[in-house]
Amino acid sequence: MRSKAFIYCRISDDKTGEKLGVQRQEEDCRALAEEKGYEVVRVFQDNDISAYSGKARPEYSAMVARVATGEVDAVLCWHPDRLHRRPVELEAYIDACRDGKAITLSVKAGEMDLATDAGQMIARMLGAAARYESDTKATRIRRASEQATRAGKWTGGTRPFGWTITDGTPALHPEESAAIASACARVLRGDSLGSIIREMNDQGLTTTRGKPWGYAQLAQALERPRNAGLASYHGEIVGESTFPAIVSENVWRGVCAVLRDPARRRSQSNKAVHLLAGIAQCHCGAYVRTAGVTARDGTRHKIYRCPVRGSGHVSKRVAFVDDVVNTAIIAVRAAEAATKKAPTGPDPEAEQLQVEATALRKRQEEAGVQAALGQIPMQMLGSINAVIERELEAVTAAMVRLEEAAARHVPAEEDIRPVSMNSPEAAEWISMHIDDRKDYLRRVCNVVLLPHGKSSTKVFDRDTVQVVVKAPGEGQGPLEERQIQRLRTRRENFRGVGDGVFITFHGDGEEFTYRLDDGVNQPPPSGSELFQGLTFVARSGDAGRRE
């Protein structure tokens, strides 16, 4: 009766997926079985799995379990390192062979009887040599990858969205790079990731893996240093990349600062229903909530109501307030678009910040070289990097303010044009998802609901809804009591100016107030409602900017 044997084959990296490596191993092992007179019971194969990585090898595990039962007399392999390269696996394999009384035969290393002390010694020596070879190879590959990464070169893997890779050389992908640049501009403008994701998916743009865009994927794509032509290693900027830049470093740092802002809304789980709930403030300073009320005629209405109990706090219909705010925001966005003029040349302040950022990164590189050469202790390197990082944060904050200032200005009267409800600004705002509109309001505006005057009737007054546009760099959060009081005083002073919606812009330490005139009572062109534009009515100092 012929002795029985298992054959085990494994290859670490099968780039083609055709299993040619394991097929060659099996052919050699079958020839060895024929030579030694063994009947092959089964062939176990783990293709494209490294024995060094620690990943599960299901075929190997199944074979070892059956060897321990004494099912076969021998295990055949091409070389012992096909079986294991980790000492812990070798010891388990020795136990299985000893329990099952099986020997090991390899095409390249001959016979090992692991039931004997000599056989175990040889196996452990071969295992140590295999581990050394794996460690050396891994170190060599890791150092080569690090060197290439530090040089900003392409090291393989999934193609990054925004570039093409031809023979290892990256170039801008026209459509994808334009999408990244547009997304960066929109993040700085105050748009949410949700609105950008929906637009990219609607346009048929997918990740380079062919998947629809999600929040994590887009945020990761926008925060990549290579977007600005920078190379990074383990999160540290180490120099210039060979990848062409899609945006300037100022824009990239600004986007990173916005996306990493702890105040930015992260949760996508709560479905928003009302535009200003948790955003608009009562004149007492509290954020309003929504509630349902029944009118005298029995109809139900939604209202914005102050959560503070007692008389004097606001309670206004949701539909009326939302209409005023939507009207104001459409006018604001139209004014922003009108003030965006073609740049006349490089911004000297932006150029100086860029020089400072480059110099700081150069200092980091020099400190790293000194530490590598042993000229300074590693502990000192950590302290140096901490100081430089703080300085870079300050430079980054200045860059963000510049980018936001470029995207949002206090409008000048000569730049303001009439805006129709059929305008692109109106269509864009109304079509935005409510989550995206709420995100925009949090970032760009404050809304305050003022009380009606003592002599006022129950009729809704539009000027009790005050919209305040934040200055570039002004953080998110509620208006302070003194700022709200200033709005109340100004409303009383504007009683003779005329009916309308009043919008206040913060800028350069001052407040600029405009009245939005509507042309509903005038014959509008093309039968559409028309905002005649913003009329400047007041200017005051001490805007109370919050940094």
Protein backbone atom coordinates (compact mmCIF):
# COMPACT_ATOMS: atom_id res chain seq x y z
CA MET A 1 0.00 0.00 0.00
CA ARG A 2 1.42 3.37 -1.03
CA SER A 3 2.04 6.07 1.57
CA LYS A 4 -0.23 9.10 1.40
CA ALA A 5 0.74 12.76 1.20
CA PHE A 6 -0.65 16.28 1.05
CA ILE A 7 0.82 18.93 -1.26
CA TYR A 8 0.88 22.56 -0.13
CA CYS A 9 1.49 25.44 -2.58
CA ARG A 10 1.59 29.18 -1.90
CA ILE A 11 2.72 32.35 -3.67
CA SER A 12 2.87 35.72 -1.91
CA ASP A 13 2.09 38.05 -4.80
CA ASP A 14 0.16 36.95 -7.87
CA LYS A 15 0.00 40.11 -9.98
CA THR A 16 -1.72 38.41 -12.92
CA GLY A 17 -4.20 36.34 -10.93
CA GLU A 18 -3.54 33.36 -13.20
CA LYS A 19 -2.02 31.17 -10.41
CA LEU A 20 0.96 30.29 -12.61
CA GLY A 21 3.29 30.26 -9.60
CA VAL A 22 1.30 27.75 -7.58
CA GLN A 23 0.78 25.62 -10.68
CA ARG A 24 4.54 25.33 -11.17
CA GLN A 25 4.98 24.42 -7.49
CA GLU A 26 2.31 21.73 -7.77
CA GLU A 27 3.95 20.23 -10.86
CA ASP A 28 7.33 19.97 -9.08
CA CYS A 29 5.71 18.52 -5.94
CA ARG A 30 3.80 15.88 -7.93
CA ALA A 31 7.04 14.87 -9.60
CA LEU A 32 8.63 14.52 -6.14
CA ALA A 33 5.66 12.42 -4.94
CA GLU A 34 6.02 10.12 -7.92
CA GLU A 35 9.75 9.78 -7.29
CA LYS A 36 9.26 8.93 -3.58
CA GLY A 37 6.24 6.69 -4.16
CA TYR A 38 3.57 8.81 -2.45
CA GLU A 39 -0.10 8.92 -3.35
CA VAL A 40 -1.28 12.55 -3.38
CA VAL A 41 -4.52 12.75 -1.38
CA ARG A 42 -5.15 16.46 -1.85
CA VAL A 43 -3.46 19.68 -2.97
CA PHE A 44 -3.90 22.74 -0.71
CA GLN A 45 -3.33 26.18 -2.31
CA ASP A 46 -3.18 29.68 -0.84
CA ASN A 47 -2.70 32.02 -3.77
CA ASP A 48 -1.54 35.64 -3.41
CA ILE A 49 -1.18 35.40 0.40
CA SER A 50 2.05 36.10 2.26
CA ALA A 51 3.12 33.77 5.06
CA TYR A 52 4.92 36.70 6.68
CA SER A 53 2.00 39.14 6.76
CA GLY A 54 0.00 37.20 9.34
CA LYS A 55 -3.11 37.14 7.16
CA ALA A 56 -5.36 34.10 7.48
CA ARG A 57 -4.43 31.21 5.17
CA PRO A 58 -7.55 29.03 5.14
CA GLU A 59 -6.06 26.20 3.06
CA TYR A 60 -2.94 26.01 5.23
CA SER A 61 -5.00 25.95 8.44
CA ALA A 62 -7.23 23.17 7.08
CA MET A 63 -4.20 21.11 6.04
CA VAL A 64 -2.45 21.42 9.43
CA ALA A 65 -5.62 20.30 11.23
CA ARG A 66 -5.83 17.17 9.07
CA VAL A 67 -2.10 16.42 9.40
CA ALA A 68 -2.50 16.34 13.19
CA THR A 69 -5.09 13.55 12.87
CA GLY A 70 -2.60 11.25 11.14
CA GLU A 71 -4.47 11.21 7.84
CA VAL A 72 -1.25 11.31 5.76
CA ASP A 73 2.34 10.21 6.09
CA ALA A 74 3.97 13.28 4.55
CA VAL A 75 3.54 16.91 3.54
CA LEU A 76 5.14 17.92 0.24
CA CYS A 77 6.05 21.51 -0.60
CA TRP A 78 8.36 23.36 -2.97
CA HIS A 79 10.42 24.91 -0.11
CA PRO A 80 9.85 25.06 3.69
CA ASP A 81 9.31 28.83 3.49
CA ARG A 82 6.15 28.11 1.46
CA LEU A 83 4.74 26.58 4.66
CA HIS A 84 5.67 29.28 7.16
CA ARG A 85 7.94 32.25 7.79
CA ARG A 86 6.78 33.05 11.30
CA PRO A 87 8.21 31.10 14.28
CA VAL A 88 4.81 30.84 15.98
CA GLU A 89 3.38 29.06 12.93
CA LEU A 90 6.42 26.77 12.73
CA GLU A 91 5.94 25.60 16.32
CA ALA A 92 2.26 24.82 15.67
CA TYR A 93 3.24 22.93 12.51
CA ILE A 94 5.88 20.91 14.43
CA ASP A 95 3.23 19.90 16.99
CA ALA A 96 0.82 18.82 14.22
CA CYS A 97 3.46 16.72 12.42
CA ARG A 98 4.59 15.11 15.68
CA ASP A 99 1.01 14.24 16.64
CA GLY A 100 0.20 12.90 13.18
CA LYS A 101 3.60 11.22 12.68
CA ALA A 102 4.07 12.98 9.31
CA ILE A 103 7.37 13.95 7.72
CA THR A 104 7.98 17.01 5.51
CA LEU A 105 9.48 16.74 2.04
CA SER A 106 10.44 19.76 -0.05
CA VAL A 107 11.68 20.00 -3.62
CA LYS A 108 14.49 22.39 -2.67
CA ALA A 109 15.46 21.38 0.90
CA GLY A 110 14.90 17.63 1.09
CA GLU A 111 13.36 15.68 3.98
CA MET A 112 12.67 16.81 7.56
CA ASP A 113 11.32 14.48 10.24
CA LEU A 114 9.81 16.85 12.78
CA ALA A 115 9.28 14.01 15.23
CA THR A 116 13.04 14.06 15.90
CA ASP A 117 15.14 16.68 17.70
CA ALA A 118 17.45 16.97 14.68
CA GLY A 119 14.54 17.54 12.32
CA GLN A 120 13.09 20.22 14.58
CA MET A 121 16.48 21.96 14.84
CA ILE A 122 16.83 22.04 11.04
CA ALA A 123 13.26 23.35 10.66
CA ARG A 124 13.87 26.10 13.20
CA MET A 125 17.13 27.12 11.53
CA LEU A 126 15.43 27.26 8.14
CA GLY A 127 12.56 29.19 9.72
CA ALA A 128 14.93 31.73 11.27
CA ALA A 129 16.65 32.18 7.90
CA ALA A 130 13.29 32.64 6.18
CA ARG A 131 12.22 35.22 8.77
CA TYR A 132 15.50 37.09 8.33
CA GLU A 133 14.99 37.12 4.55
CA SER A 134 11.44 38.42 4.94
CA ASP A 135 12.49 41.11 7.42
CA THR A 136 15.33 42.24 5.17
CA LYS A 137 13.10 42.34 2.11
CA ALA A 138 10.37 44.22 3.97
CA THR A 139 12.87 46.79 5.26
CA ARG A 140 14.30 47.27 1.78
CA ILE A 141 10.84 47.72 0.25
CA ARG A 142 9.76 50.05 3.05
CA ARG A 143 12.85 52.25 2.68
CA ALA A 144 12.44 52.38 -1.10
CA SER A 145 8.79 53.33 -0.69
CA GLU A 146 9.64 55.98 1.90
CA GLN A 147 12.34 57.45 -0.33
CA ALA A 148 9.97 57.59 -3.30
CA THR A 149 7.19 59.07 -1.17
CA ARG A 150 9.46 61.75 0.27
CA ALA A 151 10.46 62.62 -3.29
CA GLY A 152 6.78 63.00 -4.16
CA LYS A 153 6.86 60.12 -6.64
CA TRP A 154 4.08 57.68 -7.50
CA THR A 155 4.57 54.46 -5.51
CA GLY A 156 1.70 52.43 -6.93
CA GLY A 157 -1.72 51.47 -5.68
CA THR A 158 -5.10 52.91 -6.65
CA ARG A 159 -4.90 55.90 -8.98
CA PRO A 160 -5.73 59.07 -7.04
CA PHE A 161 -8.78 60.98 -8.24
CA GLY A 162 -7.69 64.08 -10.13
CA TRP A 163 -4.70 62.70 -12.03
CA THR A 164 -3.82 60.20 -14.72
CA ILE A 165 -0.76 57.96 -14.35
CA THR A 166 1.16 57.06 -17.51
CA ASP A 167 4.37 55.02 -17.12
CA GLY A 168 4.59 56.19 -13.52
CA THR A 169 4.27 59.87 -14.47
CA PRO A 170 1.24 61.76 -13.09
CA ALA A 171 -0.67 64.38 -15.09
CA LEU A 172 -3.86 66.31 -14.37
CA HIS A 173 -7.09 64.60 -15.36
CA PRO A 174 -9.09 67.46 -16.95
CA GLU A 175 -12.54 66.54 -15.64
CA GLU A 176 -11.52 65.13 -12.25
CA SER A 177 -9.05 67.90 -11.36
CA ALA A 178 -11.69 70.50 -12.25
CA ALA A 179 -14.13 68.73 -9.91
CA ILE A 180 -11.60 68.83 -7.05
CA ALA A 181 -10.86 72.53 -7.66
CA SER A 182 -14.58 73.33 -7.74
CA ALA A 183 -15.21 71.34 -4.54
CA CYS A 184 -12.42 73.23 -2.74
CA ALA A 185 -13.86 76.58 -3.80
CA ARG A 186 -17.33 75.56 -2.64
CA VAL A 187 -16.07 74.38 0.77
CA LEU A 188 -14.42 77.77 1.31
CA ARG A 189 -17.62 79.48 0.16
CA GLY A 190 -19.57 77.67 2.87
CA ASP A 191 -21.25 74.89 0.89
CA SER A 192 -21.60 71.54 2.63
CA LEU A 193 -19.99 68.31 1.57
CA GLY A 194 -23.46 66.89 1.06
CA SER A 195 -24.32 69.34 -1.72
CA ILE A 196 -20.97 68.74 -3.43
CA ILE A 197 -21.37 64.95 -3.18
CA ARG A 198 -24.86 65.05 -4.66
CA GLU A 199 -23.69 67.20 -7.58
CA MET A 200 -20.68 64.98 -8.33
CA ASN A 201 -22.77 61.82 -8.20
CA ASP A 202 -25.49 63.40 -10.35
CA GLN A 203 -22.83 64.28 -12.93
CA GLY A 204 -21.76 60.64 -13.05
CA LEU A 205 -18.38 61.28 -11.43
CA THR A 206 -17.23 58.28 -9.38
CA THR A 207 -14.18 57.48 -7.30
CA THR A 208 -11.32 55.78 -9.10
CA ARG A 209 -12.69 52.49 -7.75
CA GLY A 210 -15.94 53.16 -9.61
CA LYS A 211 -17.95 53.82 -6.43
CA PRO A 212 -20.32 56.74 -5.71
CA TRP A 213 -18.88 59.53 -3.59
CA GLY A 214 -19.56 59.61 0.15
CA TYR A 215 -18.61 61.99 2.97
CA ALA A 216 -15.46 60.13 4.05
CA GLN A 217 -14.18 59.65 0.50
CA LEU A 218 -14.65 63.30 -0.50
CA ALA A 219 -13.17 64.71 2.71
CA GLN A 220 -10.13 62.47 2.29
CA ALA A 221 -9.74 63.54 -1.35
CA LEU A 222 -9.95 67.25 -0.49
CA GLU A 223 -7.44 67.03 2.39
CA ARG A 224 -4.65 65.38 0.35
CA PRO A 225 -1.43 67.46 0.39
CA ARG A 226 -0.74 66.48 -3.22
CA ASN A 227 -3.76 68.64 -4.20
CA ALA A 228 -1.40 71.56 -3.57
CA GLY A 229 1.61 69.82 -5.13
CA LEU A 230 3.04 68.78 -1.74
CA ALA A 231 4.51 65.40 -0.76
CA SER A 232 3.71 63.90 2.65
CA TYR A 233 4.90 60.91 4.66
CA HIS A 234 2.85 59.62 7.60
CA GLY A 235 0.91 62.88 7.66
CA GLU A 236 3.99 65.13 7.61
CA ILE A 237 4.72 67.49 4.71
CA VAL A 238 8.19 66.51 3.47
CA GLY A 239 8.61 68.50 0.26
CA GLU A 240 7.24 69.04 -3.20
CA SER A 241 5.38 66.32 -5.08
CA THR A 242 5.79 65.24 -8.69
CA PHE A 243 1.99 65.45 -8.92
CA PRO A 244 0.92 68.72 -10.58
CA ALA A 245 -0.97 70.96 -8.15
CA ILE A 246 -4.73 71.28 -8.58
CA VAL A 247 -5.13 74.23 -6.17
CA SER A 248 -2.79 76.64 -4.42
CA GLU A 249 -1.39 75.81 -0.99
CA ASN A 250 -3.48 78.67 0.44
CA VAL A 251 -6.67 77.07 -0.85
CA TRP A 252 -5.66 73.57 0.32
CA ARG A 253 -4.78 74.74 3.84
CA GLY A 254 -8.02 76.70 3.98
CA VAL A 255 -10.07 73.66 2.98
CA CYS A 256 -8.30 71.50 5.59
CA ALA A 257 -8.98 74.10 8.28
CA VAL A 258 -12.68 74.22 7.39
CA LEU A 259 -13.15 70.45 7.24
CA ARG A 260 -11.27 69.89 10.50
CA ASP A 261 -13.11 72.64 12.37
CA PRO A 262 -14.69 71.02 15.49
CA ALA A 263 -17.66 73.38 15.17
CA ARG A 264 -18.51 71.98 11.74
CA ARG A 265 -21.64 69.79 11.78
CA ARG A 266 -20.60 66.14 11.49
CA SER A 267 -23.79 64.19 12.01
CA GLN A 268 -25.71 63.16 8.95
CA SER A 269 -28.28 61.10 10.86
CA ASN A 270 -30.86 63.71 11.95
CA LYS A 271 -33.12 64.73 9.10
CA ALA A 272 -33.72 68.49 9.12
CA VAL A 273 -37.26 69.75 8.46
CA HIS A 274 -37.31 73.48 9.28
CA LEU A 275 -34.73 75.90 7.91
CA LEU A 276 -34.07 78.08 10.96
CA ALA A 277 -34.67 75.74 13.91
CA GLY A 278 -31.52 75.88 16.02
CA ILE A 279 -30.11 78.68 13.84
CA ALA A 280 -32.26 81.80 14.29
CA GLN A 281 -32.10 83.55 17.67
CA CYS A 282 -34.80 85.16 19.71
CA HIS A 283 -33.93 88.73 20.70
CA CYS A 284 -33.08 87.29 24.14
CA GLY A 285 -30.24 85.31 22.53
CA ALA A 286 -31.74 81.79 22.72
CA TYR A 287 -32.01 79.63 19.61
CA VAL A 288 -35.63 79.20 18.50
CA ARG A 289 -37.42 75.88 18.15
CA THR A 290 -40.44 74.84 16.12
CA ALA A 291 -43.91 74.09 17.43
CA GLY A 292 -47.41 73.60 16.05
CA VAL A 293 -50.30 75.95 16.85
CA THR A 294 -53.97 76.08 15.88
CA ALA A 295 -55.34 79.36 14.54
CA ARG A 296 -58.80 80.72 15.36
CA ASP A 297 -60.13 79.37 12.08
CA GLY A 298 -58.96 75.87 13.04
CA THR A 299 -55.99 75.69 10.66
CA ARG A 300 -52.68 74.37 11.94
CA HIS A 301 -49.46 76.33 11.52
CA LYS A 302 -45.82 75.76 12.35
CA ILE A 303 -44.11 78.53 14.31
CA TYR A 304 -40.62 79.42 15.44
CA ARG A 305 -40.81 79.92 19.19
CA CYS A 306 -38.30 80.89 21.84
CA PRO A 307 -37.76 78.05 24.34
CA VAL A 308 -37.56 80.56 27.22
CA ARG A 309 -40.88 80.77 29.03
CA GLY A 310 -42.49 84.11 29.82
CA SER A 311 -43.90 87.11 27.99
CA GLY A 312 -41.96 89.12 25.45
CA HIS A 313 -40.24 86.23 23.67
CA VAL A 314 -40.79 85.69 19.96
CA SER A 315 -43.31 83.44 18.27
CA LYS A 316 -43.53 83.78 14.47
CA ARG A 317 -44.92 81.67 11.65
CA VAL A 318 -42.33 79.46 9.99
CA ALA A 319 -43.60 80.22 6.48
CA PHE A 320 -43.36 84.01 6.95
CA VAL A 321 -39.88 83.94 8.49
CA ASP A 322 -38.49 81.45 5.98
CA ASP A 323 -39.79 83.60 3.12
CA VAL A 324 -37.91 86.65 4.42
CA VAL A 325 -34.68 84.73 5.01
CA ASN A 326 -34.80 82.99 1.63
CA THR A 327 -35.35 86.36 -0.04
CA ALA A 328 -32.45 87.92 1.85
CA ILE A 329 -30.03 85.07 1.17
CA ILE A 330 -30.78 85.07 -2.55
CA ALA A 331 -29.96 88.78 -2.62
CA VAL A 332 -26.80 88.23 -0.57
CA ARG A 333 -25.57 85.48 -2.89
CA ALA A 334 -26.32 87.66 -5.92
CA ALA A 335 -24.37 90.53 -4.35
CA GLU A 336 -21.46 88.18 -3.62
CA ALA A 337 -21.44 87.05 -7.25
CA ALA A 338 -21.48 90.67 -8.41
CA THR A 339 -18.49 91.62 -6.26
CA LYS A 340 -16.31 88.77 -7.52
CA LYS A 341 -14.10 90.61 -9.96
CA ALA A 342 -11.24 89.23 -12.00
CA PRO A 343 -7.98 89.44 -10.01
CA THR A 344 -5.67 92.23 -11.09
CA GLY A 345 -2.56 90.38 -9.97
CA PRO A 346 -1.06 88.33 -7.15
CA ASP A 347 -2.04 89.25 -3.62
CA PRO A 348 1.13 90.47 -1.85
CA GLU A 349 -0.16 89.29 1.53
CA ALA A 350 -0.94 85.83 0.15
CA GLU A 351 2.50 85.64 -1.44
CA GLN A 352 4.15 86.58 1.86
CA LEU A 353 2.19 83.91 3.71
CA GLN A 354 3.25 81.38 1.09
CA VAL A 355 6.90 82.36 1.62
CA GLU A 356 6.49 81.96 5.38
CA ALA A 357 4.89 78.51 5.00
CA THR A 358 7.68 77.38 2.67
CA ALA A 359 10.34 78.62 5.08
CA LEU A 360 8.71 76.78 7.99
CA ARG A 361 8.58 73.52 6.04
CA LYS A 362 12.24 74.00 5.10
CA ARG A 363 13.10 74.35 8.78
CA GLN A 364 11.28 71.08 9.48
CA GLU A 365 13.24 69.32 6.75
CA GLU A 366 16.57 70.64 8.04
CA ALA A 367 15.74 69.57 11.61
CA GLY A 368 14.85 66.09 10.36
CA VAL A 369 18.18 65.79 8.54
CA GLN A 370 20.09 66.95 11.63
CA ALA A 371 18.31 64.36 13.77
CA ALA A 372 19.00 61.60 11.23
CA LEU A 373 22.71 62.49 11.25
CA GLY A 374 22.79 62.48 15.05
CA GLN A 375 23.57 66.19 15.24
CA ILE A 376 20.57 66.82 17.51
CA PRO A 377 18.70 64.36 19.79
CA MET A 378 15.33 63.00 18.66
CA GLN A 379 13.66 64.58 21.70
CA MET A 380 14.81 67.99 20.50
CA LEU A 381 13.42 67.22 17.04
CA GLY A 382 9.99 66.69 18.58
CA SER A 383 10.17 70.05 20.36
CA ILE A 384 11.31 71.81 17.19
CA ASN A 385 8.48 70.30 15.17
CA ALA A 386 5.92 71.28 17.82
CA VAL A 387 7.03 74.92 17.66
CA ILE A 388 7.02 74.95 13.86
CA GLU A 389 3.57 73.33 13.74
CA ARG A 390 2.17 76.10 15.96
CA GLU A 391 3.64 78.70 13.63
CA LEU A 392 2.22 76.87 10.61
CA GLU A 393 -1.22 76.86 12.26
CA ALA A 394 -1.07 80.64 12.57
CA VAL A 395 -0.02 81.00 8.93
CA THR A 396 -2.78 78.60 7.91
CA ALA A 397 -5.39 80.62 9.81
CA ALA A 398 -4.26 83.75 7.97
CA MET A 399 -4.48 81.90 4.64
CA VAL A 400 -8.03 80.80 5.47
CA ARG A 401 -9.07 84.39 6.24
CA LEU A 402 -7.64 85.55 2.91
CA GLU A 403 -9.46 82.83 0.99
CA GLU A 404 -12.74 83.57 2.74
CA ALA A 405 -12.27 87.30 2.14
CA ALA A 406 -11.73 86.57 -1.56
CA ALA A 407 -14.97 84.59 -1.62
CA ARG A 408 -17.11 87.04 0.40
CA HIS A 409 -17.08 90.85 0.39
CA VAL A 410 -19.26 93.63 1.70
CA PRO A 411 -21.08 94.74 -1.47
CA ALA A 412 -20.69 98.21 -2.94
CA GLU A 413 -23.80 99.89 -4.34
CA GLU A 414 -22.36 100.13 -7.83
CA ASP A 415 -21.93 96.33 -7.88
CA ILE A 416 -25.52 95.53 -6.95
CA ARG A 417 -27.98 94.62 -9.68
CA PRO A 418 -31.69 93.73 -9.65
CA VAL A 419 -32.31 90.05 -8.98
CA SER A 420 -35.25 88.08 -10.30
CA MET A 421 -36.78 85.09 -8.56
CA ASN A 422 -35.97 83.32 -11.81
CA SER A 423 -32.29 84.20 -11.47
CA PRO A 424 -29.55 81.53 -11.21
CA GLU A 425 -28.92 82.57 -7.59
CA ALA A 426 -32.58 82.01 -6.69
CA ALA A 427 -32.79 78.71 -8.53
CA GLU A 428 -29.58 77.45 -6.93
CA TRP A 429 -30.66 78.37 -3.39
CA ILE A 430 -34.19 76.99 -3.64
CA SER A 431 -32.97 73.72 -5.19
CA MET A 432 -30.37 73.11 -2.47
CA HIS A 433 -31.08 70.36 0.06
CA ILE A 434 -32.28 71.78 3.38
CA ASP A 435 -29.20 70.36 5.16
CA ASP A 436 -27.00 72.31 2.76
CA ARG A 437 -28.96 75.53 3.26
CA LYS A 438 -28.71 75.15 7.03
CA ASP A 439 -24.96 74.57 6.75
CA TYR A 440 -24.62 77.71 4.64
CA LEU A 441 -26.59 79.80 7.14
CA ARG A 442 -24.51 78.53 10.08
CA ARG A 443 -21.30 79.46 8.32
CA VAL A 444 -22.27 82.71 6.62
CA CYS A 445 -25.11 84.34 8.57
CA ASN A 446 -26.82 85.02 11.86
CA VAL A 447 -30.59 85.45 11.94
CA VAL A 448 -32.32 87.30 14.78
CA LEU A 449 -36.10 87.49 15.33
CA LEU A 450 -37.06 90.79 16.96
CA PRO A 451 -40.34 91.54 18.76
CA HIS A 452 -43.06 93.72 17.27
CA GLY A 453 -43.28 97.19 18.76
CA LYS A 454 -45.76 97.92 21.52
CA SER A 455 -48.00 99.80 19.12
CA SER A 456 -47.75 97.14 16.40
CA THR A 457 -50.69 95.05 15.27
CA LYS A 458 -50.64 91.27 14.95
CA VAL A 459 -49.66 91.66 11.29
CA PHE A 460 -46.25 90.14 10.55
CA ASP A 461 -43.54 92.78 10.02
CA ARG A 462 -40.72 91.67 7.74
CA ASP A 463 -38.20 93.97 9.41
CA THR A 464 -38.48 91.95 12.63
CA VAL A 465 -36.40 89.30 10.84
CA GLN A 466 -32.82 90.58 10.86
CA VAL A 467 -30.16 88.89 8.72
CA VAL A 468 -26.50 89.53 9.62
CA VAL A 469 -23.79 88.42 7.18
CA LYS A 470 -20.58 87.48 8.98
CA ALA A 471 -17.20 88.94 8.11
CA PRO A 472 -14.61 86.64 6.50
CA GLY A 473 -12.93 84.64 9.27
CA GLU A 474 -15.74 85.28 11.76
CA GLY A 475 -16.50 82.05 13.57
CA GLN A 476 -19.76 80.18 13.91
CA GLY A 477 -21.94 80.90 16.91
CA PRO A 478 -24.71 83.17 18.18
CA LEU A 479 -24.69 86.96 18.27
CA GLU A 480 -23.94 88.52 21.62
CA GLU A 481 -26.49 90.51 23.62
CA ARG A 482 -24.96 93.89 22.73
CA GLN A 483 -25.02 93.02 19.03
CA ILE A 484 -28.69 92.04 19.19
CA GLN A 485 -29.54 95.21 21.11
CA ARG A 486 -27.83 97.24 18.38
CA LEU A 487 -30.10 95.55 15.80
CA ARG A 488 -33.21 96.45 17.84
CA THR A 489 -32.11 100.08 18.13
CA ARG A 490 -31.30 100.29 14.44
CA ARG A 491 -34.72 98.88 13.50
CA GLU A 492 -36.42 101.62 15.47
CA ASN A 493 -34.25 104.23 13.74
CA PHE A 494 -35.10 102.81 10.31
CA ARG A 495 -38.86 103.15 10.74
CA GLY A 496 -38.88 106.20 8.43
CA VAL A 497 -36.59 104.67 5.81
CA GLY A 498 -39.33 102.55 4.28
CA ASP A 499 -40.64 99.02 4.36
CA GLY A 500 -38.29 96.21 3.42
CA VAL A 501 -35.91 93.56 4.63
CA PHE A 502 -32.76 94.85 6.32
CA ILE A 503 -29.46 93.00 5.90
CA THR A 504 -26.36 93.88 7.92
CA PHE A 505 -22.86 92.99 6.72
CA HIS A 506 -19.90 92.72 9.10
CA GLY A 507 -16.60 93.81 7.60
CA ASP A 508 -13.35 95.47 8.66
CA GLY A 509 -14.62 96.15 12.19
CA GLU A 510 -17.72 97.98 10.91
CA GLU A 511 -21.34 97.18 10.13
CA PHE A 512 -22.94 98.08 6.81
CA THR A 513 -26.73 97.90 6.64
CA TYR A 514 -28.72 97.63 3.41
CA ARG A 515 -32.44 97.61 2.75
CA LEU A 516 -33.67 95.06 0.25
CA ASP A 517 -36.31 96.74 -1.89
CA ASP A 518 -38.76 94.52 -3.71
CA GLY A 519 -40.59 95.44 -6.87
CA VAL A 520 -43.71 93.42 -6.27
CA ASN A 521 -45.91 96.55 -6.52
CA GLN A 522 -44.17 97.64 -9.72
CA PRO A 523 -44.62 96.07 -13.17
CA PRO A 524 -41.86 93.41 -13.16
CA PRO A 525 -40.22 92.37 -16.43
CA SER A 526 -41.28 88.99 -17.85
CA GLY A 527 -43.93 88.65 -15.16
CA SER A 528 -41.40 87.56 -12.50
CA GLU A 529 -40.92 88.95 -9.03
CA LEU A 530 -37.97 91.30 -8.91
CA PHE A 531 -35.73 92.52 -6.13
CA GLN A 532 -34.74 96.03 -7.14
CA GLY A 533 -31.48 95.55 -5.27
CA LEU A 534 -29.85 96.51 -1.99
CA THR A 535 -29.95 100.15 -0.93
CA PHE A 536 -27.28 101.33 1.49
CA VAL A 537 -28.89 102.91 4.55
CA ALA A 538 -26.38 102.94 7.43
CA ARG A 539 -22.82 102.35 8.53
CA SER A 540 -21.49 102.01 12.06
CA GLY A 541 -18.27 101.04 13.82
CA ASP A 542 -17.52 98.26 16.31
CA ALA A 543 -19.16 95.37 14.52
CA GLY A 544 -18.27 93.09 17.39
CA ARG A 545 -16.44 90.57 15.27
CA ARG A 546 -15.81 87.26 16.97
CA GLU A 547 -12.48 85.70 16.03
